[in-house]
Amino acid sequence: MKPDNDLLGMKPYGEALNTIVTKSFAAVEGFLAATCKPLLEELGNMMKDKVRIWRLNNILKVLEKSKGKFEFKNDNIQLSANPKVALAIIENAANEENDELQEMWAGLFNSSLSETGRSDDAIVYVSILKQLSVAEAKLLRYICENAKKGILDSHLPMAQTLSLYSDKISEITGINELVTLEAIVNHLNALRLSERRDSTSAFSFRGTNEKLLAWLTPTSLALSLYIRCNGYKGTVIRVLATQILVRN
């Protein structure tokens, strides 16, 4: 008979998860002590709250990924995080189980670090990243990596338009429902991560078989979000100049 306080029989799983979380916490404790002590203290408090253990497990996965991306100098960490930014990133990353989005949160955490620990410009990207679904993140990555990019005379980054048929977008995102695909493209437009052509719909009919075609143009904001979520600390211009972004 199951004990009264474990009617669903979940206690063994809870204990196993708690063991995993404890080991993960130990793995990133030194990293956080060097980069953001207030965040370390907050996570320490979460360790005592079993209700929040699932969220903490997601946070620690993100931090382990972040630690893995980090470039150490002379075995020392010389950068630190603004607590406001670090806590905002972790608060939102706590609800994310998807590996690809966890990688993006980890990259954003890394790119938010600075020598003074006062930089808070990454807070802008937090508000955008938290609104992306897994499918939208995949599509964003594709257009940022595959659109031809350059630098305008005004020193602003630019990208050319990609023409993608609905079956290609379905392949990229893993979504087959056309209504959902349209919503995904429209949402990227609404977040100003892609520019919309003059149309009431994300798609237009093209070709003899009346295929659905969408035009997606990654904006400078999209390119900036992309490089930040890959852990790069430089500006879009610097990244384009050093060809870190994949270009055709």
C-alpha atoms as a PDB file:
ATOM      1  CA  MET A   1       0.000   0.000   0.000  1.00  0.00           C
ATOM      2  CA  LYS A   2       1.270   3.457  -0.893  1.00  0.00           C
ATOM      3  CA  PRO A   3       1.731   5.887   2.007  1.00  0.00           C
ATOM      4  CA  ASP A   4      -1.004   8.496   2.440  1.00  0.00           C
ATOM      5  CA  ASN A   5       1.366  11.328   1.564  1.00  0.00           C
ATOM      6  CA  ASP A   6       2.294   9.683  -1.772  1.00  0.00           C
ATOM      7  CA  LEU A   7      -1.065   8.794  -3.323  1.00  0.00           C
ATOM      8  CA  LEU A   8       0.290   8.980  -6.883  1.00  0.00           C
ATOM      9  CA  GLY A   9       3.351   6.892  -6.154  1.00  0.00           C
ATOM     10  CA  MET A  10       5.704   9.693  -7.233  1.00  0.00           C
ATOM     11  CA  LYS A  11       8.037   9.694  -4.227  1.00  0.00           C
ATOM     12  CA  PRO A  12      10.746   7.470  -5.798  1.00  0.00           C
ATOM     13  CA  TYR A  13      10.861   9.702  -8.883  1.00  0.00           C
ATOM     14  CA  GLY A  14      11.069  12.789  -6.706  1.00  0.00           C
ATOM     15  CA  GLU A  15      14.018  11.366  -4.787  1.00  0.00           C
ATOM     16  CA  ALA A  16      15.800  10.428  -8.017  1.00  0.00           C
ATOM     17  CA  LEU A  17      15.258  13.882  -9.456  1.00  0.00           C
ATOM     18  CA  ASN A  18      16.466  15.486  -6.245  1.00  0.00           C
ATOM     19  CA  THR A  19      19.702  13.452  -6.481  1.00  0.00           C
ATOM     20  CA  ILE A  20      20.234  14.581 -10.088  1.00  0.00           C
ATOM     21  CA  VAL A  21      19.567  18.204  -9.191  1.00  0.00           C
ATOM     22  CA  THR A  22      21.972  18.064  -6.237  1.00  0.00           C
ATOM     23  CA  LYS A  23      24.774  16.730  -8.462  1.00  0.00           C
ATOM     24  CA  SER A  24      24.019  19.315 -11.166  1.00  0.00           C
ATOM     25  CA  PHE A  25      24.058  22.106  -8.590  1.00  0.00           C
ATOM     26  CA  ALA A  26      27.465  20.998  -7.357  1.00  0.00           C
ATOM     27  CA  ALA A  27      28.754  21.026 -10.945  1.00  0.00           C
ATOM     28  CA  VAL A  28      27.878  24.695 -11.541  1.00  0.00           C
ATOM     29  CA  GLU A  29      28.281  26.074  -8.010  1.00  0.00           C
ATOM     30  CA  GLY A  30      31.834  27.334  -8.601  1.00  0.00           C
ATOM     31  CA  PHE A  31      30.872  28.804 -11.968  1.00  0.00           C
ATOM     32  CA  LEU A  32      28.059  30.829 -10.391  1.00  0.00           C
ATOM     33  CA  ALA A  33      30.164  31.851  -7.410  1.00  0.00           C
ATOM     34  CA  ALA A  34      32.513  33.526  -9.893  1.00  0.00           C
ATOM     35  CA  THR A  35      29.914  35.042 -12.226  1.00  0.00           C
ATOM     36  CA  CYS A  36      26.822  35.881 -10.152  1.00  0.00           C
ATOM     37  CA  LYS A  37      26.624  35.226  -6.408  1.00  0.00           C
ATOM     38  CA  PRO A  38      23.040  36.560  -6.036  1.00  0.00           C
ATOM     39  CA  LEU A  39      21.899  33.911  -8.535  1.00  0.00           C
ATOM     40  CA  LEU A  40      23.806  31.246  -6.608  1.00  0.00           C
ATOM     41  CA  GLU A  41      21.975  32.264  -3.439  1.00  0.00           C
ATOM     42  CA  GLU A  42      18.600  32.183  -5.208  1.00  0.00           C
ATOM     43  CA  LEU A  43      19.223  28.687  -6.559  1.00  0.00           C
ATOM     44  CA  GLY A  44      20.365  27.582  -3.124  1.00  0.00           C
ATOM     45  CA  ASN A  45      16.974  28.641  -1.773  1.00  0.00           C
ATOM     46  CA  MET A  46      15.225  26.727  -4.540  1.00  0.00           C
ATOM     47  CA  MET A  47      17.116  23.582  -3.500  1.00  0.00           C
ATOM     48  CA  LYS A  48      15.135  23.674  -0.262  1.00  0.00           C
ATOM     49  CA  ASP A  49      11.751  23.868  -2.013  1.00  0.00           C
ATOM     50  CA  LYS A  50      10.614  20.528  -3.461  1.00  0.00           C
ATOM     51  CA  VAL A  51       7.748  22.207  -5.295  1.00  0.00           C
ATOM     52  CA  ARG A  52      10.270  24.104  -7.428  1.00  0.00           C
ATOM     53  CA  ILE A  53      12.622  21.181  -8.031  1.00  0.00           C
ATOM     54  CA  TRP A  54      11.420  20.645 -11.629  1.00  0.00           C
ATOM     55  CA  ARG A  55      12.121  24.253 -12.539  1.00  0.00           C
ATOM     56  CA  LEU A  56      15.477  24.105 -10.802  1.00  0.00           C
ATOM     57  CA  ASN A  57      16.409  21.035 -12.826  1.00  0.00           C
ATOM     58  CA  ASN A  58      15.772  23.003 -16.055  1.00  0.00           C
ATOM     59  CA  ILE A  59      17.797  25.942 -14.749  1.00  0.00           C
ATOM     60  CA  LEU A  60      20.771  23.759 -13.906  1.00  0.00           C
ATOM     61  CA  LYS A  61      20.697  22.168 -17.358  1.00  0.00           C
ATOM     62  CA  VAL A  62      20.887  25.647 -18.889  1.00  0.00           C
ATOM     63  CA  LEU A  63      23.741  26.650 -16.589  1.00  0.00           C
ATOM     64  CA  GLU A  64      25.673  23.480 -17.375  1.00  0.00           C
ATOM     65  CA  LYS A  65      25.335  24.281 -21.083  1.00  0.00           C
ATOM     66  CA  SER A  66      26.445  27.848 -20.385  1.00  0.00           C
ATOM     67  CA  LYS A  67      29.475  26.649 -18.439  1.00  0.00           C
ATOM     68  CA  GLY A  68      30.345  24.349 -21.350  1.00  0.00           C
ATOM     69  CA  LYS A  69      30.311  27.291 -23.779  1.00  0.00           C
ATOM     70  CA  PHE A  70      32.437  29.493 -21.530  1.00  0.00           C
ATOM     71  CA  GLU A  71      35.985  30.410 -22.514  1.00  0.00           C
ATOM     72  CA  PHE A  72      38.237  30.462 -19.462  1.00  0.00           C
ATOM     73  CA  LYS A  73      41.358  32.633 -19.369  1.00  0.00           C
ATOM     74  CA  ASN A  74      44.242  31.253 -17.340  1.00  0.00           C
ATOM     75  CA  ASP A  75      41.714  28.970 -15.608  1.00  0.00           C
ATOM     76  CA  ASN A  76      39.936  32.043 -14.231  1.00  0.00           C
ATOM     77  CA  ILE A  77      36.566  33.620 -14.930  1.00  0.00           C
ATOM     78  CA  GLN A  78      37.081  37.338 -15.508  1.00  0.00           C
ATOM     79  CA  LEU A  79      33.501  38.222 -16.423  1.00  0.00           C
ATOM     80  CA  SER A  80      30.376  38.516 -14.308  1.00  0.00           C
ATOM     81  CA  ALA A  81      26.641  38.984 -14.768  1.00  0.00           C
ATOM     82  CA  ASN A  82      24.318  41.791 -13.830  1.00  0.00           C
ATOM     83  CA  PRO A  83      22.044  40.090 -11.249  1.00  0.00           C
ATOM     84  CA  LYS A  84      18.952  41.706 -12.792  1.00  0.00           C
ATOM     85  CA  VAL A  85      19.732  40.146 -16.158  1.00  0.00           C
ATOM     86  CA  ALA A  86      20.897  36.797 -14.789  1.00  0.00           C
ATOM     87  CA  LEU A  87      17.774  36.353 -12.686  1.00  0.00           C
ATOM     88  CA  ALA A  88      15.531  37.355 -15.607  1.00  0.00           C
ATOM     89  CA  ILE A  89      17.215  34.803 -17.871  1.00  0.00           C
ATOM     90  CA  ILE A  90      17.015  32.022 -15.309  1.00  0.00           C
ATOM     91  CA  GLU A  91      13.435  32.830 -14.310  1.00  0.00           C
ATOM     92  CA  ASN A  92      12.303  32.281 -17.895  1.00  0.00           C
ATOM     93  CA  ALA A  93      14.661  29.399 -18.676  1.00  0.00           C
ATOM     94  CA  ALA A  94      13.248  27.539 -15.673  1.00  0.00           C
ATOM     95  CA  ASN A  95      10.109  26.666 -17.630  1.00  0.00           C
ATOM     96  CA  GLU A  96      11.956  25.310 -20.680  1.00  0.00           C
ATOM     97  CA  GLU A  97      12.642  21.593 -21.152  1.00  0.00           C
ATOM     98  CA  ASN A  98      13.493  21.706 -24.868  1.00  0.00           C
ATOM     99  CA  ASP A  99      17.218  21.197 -25.480  1.00  0.00           C
ATOM    100  CA  GLU A 100      17.445  23.662 -28.389  1.00  0.00           C
ATOM    101  CA  LEU A 101      15.817  26.496 -26.456  1.00  0.00           C
ATOM    102  CA  GLN A 102      17.909  25.663 -23.386  1.00  0.00           C
ATOM    103  CA  GLU A 103      20.990  26.097 -25.607  1.00  0.00           C
ATOM    104  CA  MET A 104      19.698  29.536 -26.622  1.00  0.00           C
ATOM    105  CA  TRP A 105      19.130  30.581 -23.011  1.00  0.00           C
ATOM    106  CA  ALA A 106      22.640  29.341 -22.155  1.00  0.00           C
ATOM    107  CA  GLY A 107      24.122  31.365 -25.002  1.00  0.00           C
ATOM    108  CA  LEU A 108      22.216  34.460 -23.904  1.00  0.00           C
ATOM    109  CA  PHE A 109      23.512  34.053 -20.359  1.00  0.00           C
ATOM    110  CA  ASN A 110      27.081  33.892 -21.649  1.00  0.00           C
ATOM    111  CA  SER A 111      26.719  36.896 -23.930  1.00  0.00           C
ATOM    112  CA  SER A 112      25.300  38.943 -21.027  1.00  0.00           C
ATOM    113  CA  LEU A 113      28.499  38.635 -18.999  1.00  0.00           C
ATOM    114  CA  SER A 114      30.809  41.648 -18.865  1.00  0.00           C
ATOM    115  CA  GLU A 115      33.984  42.779 -17.126  1.00  0.00           C
ATOM    116  CA  THR A 116      32.084  45.188 -14.886  1.00  0.00           C
ATOM    117  CA  GLY A 117      29.039  42.988 -14.275  1.00  0.00           C
ATOM    118  CA  ARG A 118      26.808  45.998 -14.887  1.00  0.00           C
ATOM    119  CA  SER A 119      25.721  45.474 -18.488  1.00  0.00           C
ATOM    120  CA  ASP A 120      21.959  45.052 -18.771  1.00  0.00           C
ATOM    121  CA  ASP A 121      21.368  45.303 -22.527  1.00  0.00           C
ATOM    122  CA  ALA A 122      20.621  41.559 -22.739  1.00  0.00           C
ATOM    123  CA  ILE A 123      17.315  42.208 -20.935  1.00  0.00           C
ATOM    124  CA  VAL A 124      15.872  43.214 -24.327  1.00  0.00           C
ATOM    125  CA  TYR A 125      16.562  39.765 -25.741  1.00  0.00           C
ATOM    126  CA  VAL A 126      15.083  38.029 -22.698  1.00  0.00           C
ATOM    127  CA  SER A 127      11.691  39.551 -23.452  1.00  0.00           C
ATOM    128  CA  ILE A 128      11.835  38.246 -27.031  1.00  0.00           C
ATOM    129  CA  LEU A 129      13.299  34.797 -26.456  1.00  0.00           C
ATOM    130  CA  LYS A 130      10.696  33.925 -23.823  1.00  0.00           C
ATOM    131  CA  GLN A 131       7.984  34.371 -26.472  1.00  0.00           C
ATOM    132  CA  LEU A 132       9.464  31.895 -28.965  1.00  0.00           C
ATOM    133  CA  SER A 133       8.131  28.379 -29.381  1.00  0.00           C
ATOM    134  CA  VAL A 134      10.443  25.508 -30.332  1.00  0.00           C
ATOM    135  CA  ALA A 135       9.207  25.634 -33.941  1.00  0.00           C
ATOM    136  CA  GLU A 136       9.721  29.407 -34.144  1.00  0.00           C
ATOM    137  CA  ALA A 137      13.255  29.081 -32.763  1.00  0.00           C
ATOM    138  CA  LYS A 138      14.078  26.496 -35.443  1.00  0.00           C
ATOM    139  CA  LEU A 139      12.714  28.714 -38.210  1.00  0.00           C
ATOM    140  CA  LEU A 140      14.545  31.756 -36.838  1.00  0.00           C
ATOM    141  CA  ARG A 141      17.825  29.849 -36.807  1.00  0.00           C
ATOM    142  CA  TYR A 142      17.283  28.684 -40.388  1.00  0.00           C
ATOM    143  CA  ILE A 143      16.592  32.112 -41.860  1.00  0.00           C
ATOM    144  CA  CYS A 144      19.449  33.758 -39.919  1.00  0.00           C
ATOM    145  CA  GLU A 145      21.921  31.133 -41.119  1.00  0.00           C
ATOM    146  CA  ASN A 146      20.733  30.842 -44.718  1.00  0.00           C
ATOM    147  CA  ALA A 147      19.810  34.388 -45.781  1.00  0.00           C
ATOM    148  CA  LYS A 148      22.605  36.311 -47.491  1.00  0.00           C
ATOM    149  CA  LYS A 149      23.842  39.009 -45.135  1.00  0.00           C
ATOM    150  CA  GLY A 150      25.853  42.170 -45.383  1.00  0.00           C
ATOM    151  CA  ILE A 151      26.471  45.644 -43.998  1.00  0.00           C
ATOM    152  CA  LEU A 152      24.781  48.741 -45.391  1.00  0.00           C
ATOM    153  CA  ASP A 153      26.570  52.039 -46.028  1.00  0.00           C
ATOM    154  CA  SER A 154      24.808  53.284 -42.887  1.00  0.00           C
ATOM    155  CA  HIS A 155      26.734  50.593 -40.962  1.00  0.00           C
ATOM    156  CA  LEU A 156      23.539  48.698 -40.224  1.00  0.00           C
ATOM    157  CA  PRO A 157      23.343  44.938 -40.795  1.00  0.00           C
ATOM    158  CA  MET A 158      20.995  43.630 -43.450  1.00  0.00           C
ATOM    159  CA  ALA A 159      19.797  40.297 -44.803  1.00  0.00           C
ATOM    160  CA  GLN A 160      18.154  39.365 -48.056  1.00  0.00           C
ATOM    161  CA  THR A 161      14.710  37.791 -48.277  1.00  0.00           C
ATOM    162  CA  LEU A 162      14.293  34.031 -48.309  1.00  0.00           C
ATOM    163  CA  SER A 163      11.428  32.495 -50.301  1.00  0.00           C
ATOM    164  CA  LEU A 164      10.267  29.307 -48.589  1.00  0.00           C
ATOM    165  CA  TYR A 165       7.427  27.039 -49.609  1.00  0.00           C
ATOM    166  CA  SER A 166       5.174  25.753 -46.856  1.00  0.00           C
ATOM    167  CA  ASP A 167       6.509  22.192 -47.193  1.00  0.00           C
ATOM    168  CA  LYS A 168      10.054  23.480 -46.528  1.00  0.00           C
ATOM    169  CA  ILE A 169       8.892  25.432 -43.476  1.00  0.00           C
ATOM    170  CA  SER A 170       7.125  22.263 -42.312  1.00  0.00           C
ATOM    171  CA  GLU A 171      10.393  20.349 -42.693  1.00  0.00           C
ATOM    172  CA  ILE A 172      12.286  22.986 -40.682  1.00  0.00           C
ATOM    173  CA  THR A 173       9.771  23.319 -37.869  1.00  0.00           C
ATOM    174  CA  GLY A 174       8.301  19.823 -37.694  1.00  0.00           C
ATOM    175  CA  ILE A 175       4.823  21.339 -37.997  1.00  0.00           C
ATOM    176  CA  ASN A 176       2.438  20.157 -40.727  1.00  0.00           C
ATOM    177  CA  GLU A 177      -0.720  22.155 -39.997  1.00  0.00           C
ATOM    178  CA  LEU A 178      -0.848  25.095 -42.426  1.00  0.00           C
ATOM    179  CA  VAL A 179      -2.810  27.278 -40.022  1.00  0.00           C
ATOM    180  CA  THR A 180      -0.112  26.788 -37.386  1.00  0.00           C
ATOM    181  CA  LEU A 181       2.645  27.479 -39.929  1.00  0.00           C
ATOM    182  CA  GLU A 182       0.929  30.725 -40.864  1.00  0.00           C
ATOM    183  CA  ALA A 183       0.686  31.648 -37.177  1.00  0.00           C
ATOM    184  CA  ILE A 184       4.418  30.939 -36.725  1.00  0.00           C
ATOM    185  CA  VAL A 185       5.430  33.187 -39.635  1.00  0.00           C
ATOM    186  CA  ASN A 186       3.034  35.921 -38.517  1.00  0.00           C
ATOM    187  CA  HIS A 187       4.392  35.753 -34.970  1.00  0.00           C
ATOM    188  CA  LEU A 188       7.989  36.196 -36.164  1.00  0.00           C
ATOM    189  CA  ASN A 189       6.761  39.223 -38.094  1.00  0.00           C
ATOM    190  CA  ALA A 190       4.920  40.558 -35.044  1.00  0.00           C
ATOM    191  CA  LEU A 191       8.084  40.217 -32.934  1.00  0.00           C
ATOM    192  CA  ARG A 192       9.943  42.156 -35.662  1.00  0.00           C
ATOM    193  CA  LEU A 193      12.271  39.225 -36.236  1.00  0.00           C
ATOM    194  CA  SER A 194      11.169  39.009 -39.861  1.00  0.00           C
ATOM    195  CA  GLU A 195       9.793  41.658 -42.192  1.00  0.00           C
ATOM    196  CA  ARG A 196       6.378  41.180 -43.764  1.00  0.00           C
ATOM    197  CA  ARG A 197       5.549  41.830 -47.386  1.00  0.00           C
ATOM    198  CA  ASP A 198       2.337  43.724 -48.082  1.00  0.00           C
ATOM    199  CA  SER A 199      -0.141  40.943 -47.466  1.00  0.00           C
ATOM    200  CA  THR A 200      -2.856  40.026 -44.998  1.00  0.00           C
ATOM    201  CA  SER A 201      -1.553  36.456 -44.881  1.00  0.00           C
ATOM    202  CA  ALA A 202       1.865  34.948 -44.252  1.00  0.00           C
ATOM    203  CA  PHE A 203       1.500  32.848 -47.403  1.00  0.00           C
ATOM    204  CA  SER A 204       0.669  33.484 -51.060  1.00  0.00           C
ATOM    205  CA  PHE A 205      -0.211  31.005 -53.796  1.00  0.00           C
ATOM    206  CA  ARG A 206       2.530  30.471 -56.369  1.00  0.00           C
ATOM    207  CA  GLY A 207       3.134  28.052 -59.246  1.00  0.00           C
ATOM    208  CA  THR A 208       0.932  25.756 -61.267  1.00  0.00           C
ATOM    209  CA  ASN A 209       0.299  23.501 -58.288  1.00  0.00           C
ATOM    210  CA  GLU A 210      -0.779  26.489 -56.188  1.00  0.00           C
ATOM    211  CA  LYS A 211       1.973  25.932 -53.642  1.00  0.00           C
ATOM    212  CA  LEU A 212       1.998  28.160 -50.604  1.00  0.00           C
ATOM    213  CA  LEU A 213       4.997  30.475 -50.504  1.00  0.00           C
ATOM    214  CA  ALA A 214       6.238  32.696 -47.675  1.00  0.00           C
ATOM    215  CA  TRP A 215       8.864  35.452 -47.773  1.00  0.00           C
ATOM    216  CA  LEU A 216      11.006  35.799 -44.672  1.00  0.00           C
ATOM    217  CA  THR A 217      13.583  38.530 -44.192  1.00  0.00           C
ATOM    218  CA  PRO A 218      15.551  38.315 -40.921  1.00  0.00           C
ATOM    219  CA  THR A 219      15.782  41.778 -39.395  1.00  0.00           C
ATOM    220  CA  SER A 220      18.808  43.292 -37.656  1.00  0.00           C
ATOM    221  CA  LEU A 221      17.023  42.454 -34.387  1.00  0.00           C
ATOM    222  CA  ALA A 222      16.766  38.802 -35.462  1.00  0.00           C
ATOM    223  CA  LEU A 223      20.459  38.677 -36.339  1.00  0.00           C
ATOM    224  CA  SER A 224      21.380  40.290 -33.030  1.00  0.00           C
ATOM    225  CA  LEU A 225      19.195  37.851 -31.068  1.00  0.00           C
ATOM    226  CA  TYR A 226      20.704  34.962 -32.994  1.00  0.00           C
ATOM    227  CA  ILE A 227      24.316  35.862 -32.201  1.00  0.00           C
ATOM    228  CA  ARG A 228      23.522  36.628 -28.547  1.00  0.00           C
ATOM    229  CA  CYS A 229      21.820  33.256 -28.147  1.00  0.00           C
ATOM    230  CA  ASN A 230      24.944  31.619 -29.548  1.00  0.00           C
ATOM    231  CA  GLY A 231      27.012  33.215 -26.805  1.00  0.00           C
ATOM    232  CA  TYR A 232      28.793  35.882 -28.875  1.00  0.00           C
ATOM    233  CA  LYS A 233      29.411  39.170 -27.092  1.00  0.00           C
ATOM    234  CA  GLY A 234      30.245  41.288 -30.143  1.00  0.00           C
ATOM    235  CA  THR A 235      27.871  43.425 -32.167  1.00  0.00           C
ATOM    236  CA  VAL A 236      26.141  42.123 -35.278  1.00  0.00           C
ATOM    237  CA  ILE A 237      28.533  44.210 -37.402  1.00  0.00           C
ATOM    238  CA  ARG A 238      31.565  42.658 -35.731  1.00  0.00           C
ATOM    239  CA  VAL A 239      30.163  39.158 -36.117  1.00  0.00           C
ATOM    240  CA  LEU A 240      29.367  39.707 -39.787  1.00  0.00           C
ATOM    241  CA  ALA A 241      32.809  41.165 -40.343  1.00  0.00           C
ATOM    242  CA  THR A 242      34.486  38.108 -38.835  1.00  0.00           C
ATOM    243  CA  GLN A 243      32.080  35.765 -40.642  1.00  0.00           C
ATOM    244  CA  ILE A 244      30.922  34.012 -37.491  1.00  0.00           C
ATOM    245  CA  LEU A 245      27.408  33.889 -38.925  1.00  0.00           C
ATOM    246  CA  VAL A 246      26.984  31.321 -41.667  1.00  0.00           C
ATOM    247  CA  ARG A 247      26.767  33.032 -45.032  1.00  0.00           C
ATOM    248  CA  ASN A 248      26.083  31.766 -48.538  1.00  0.00           C
END
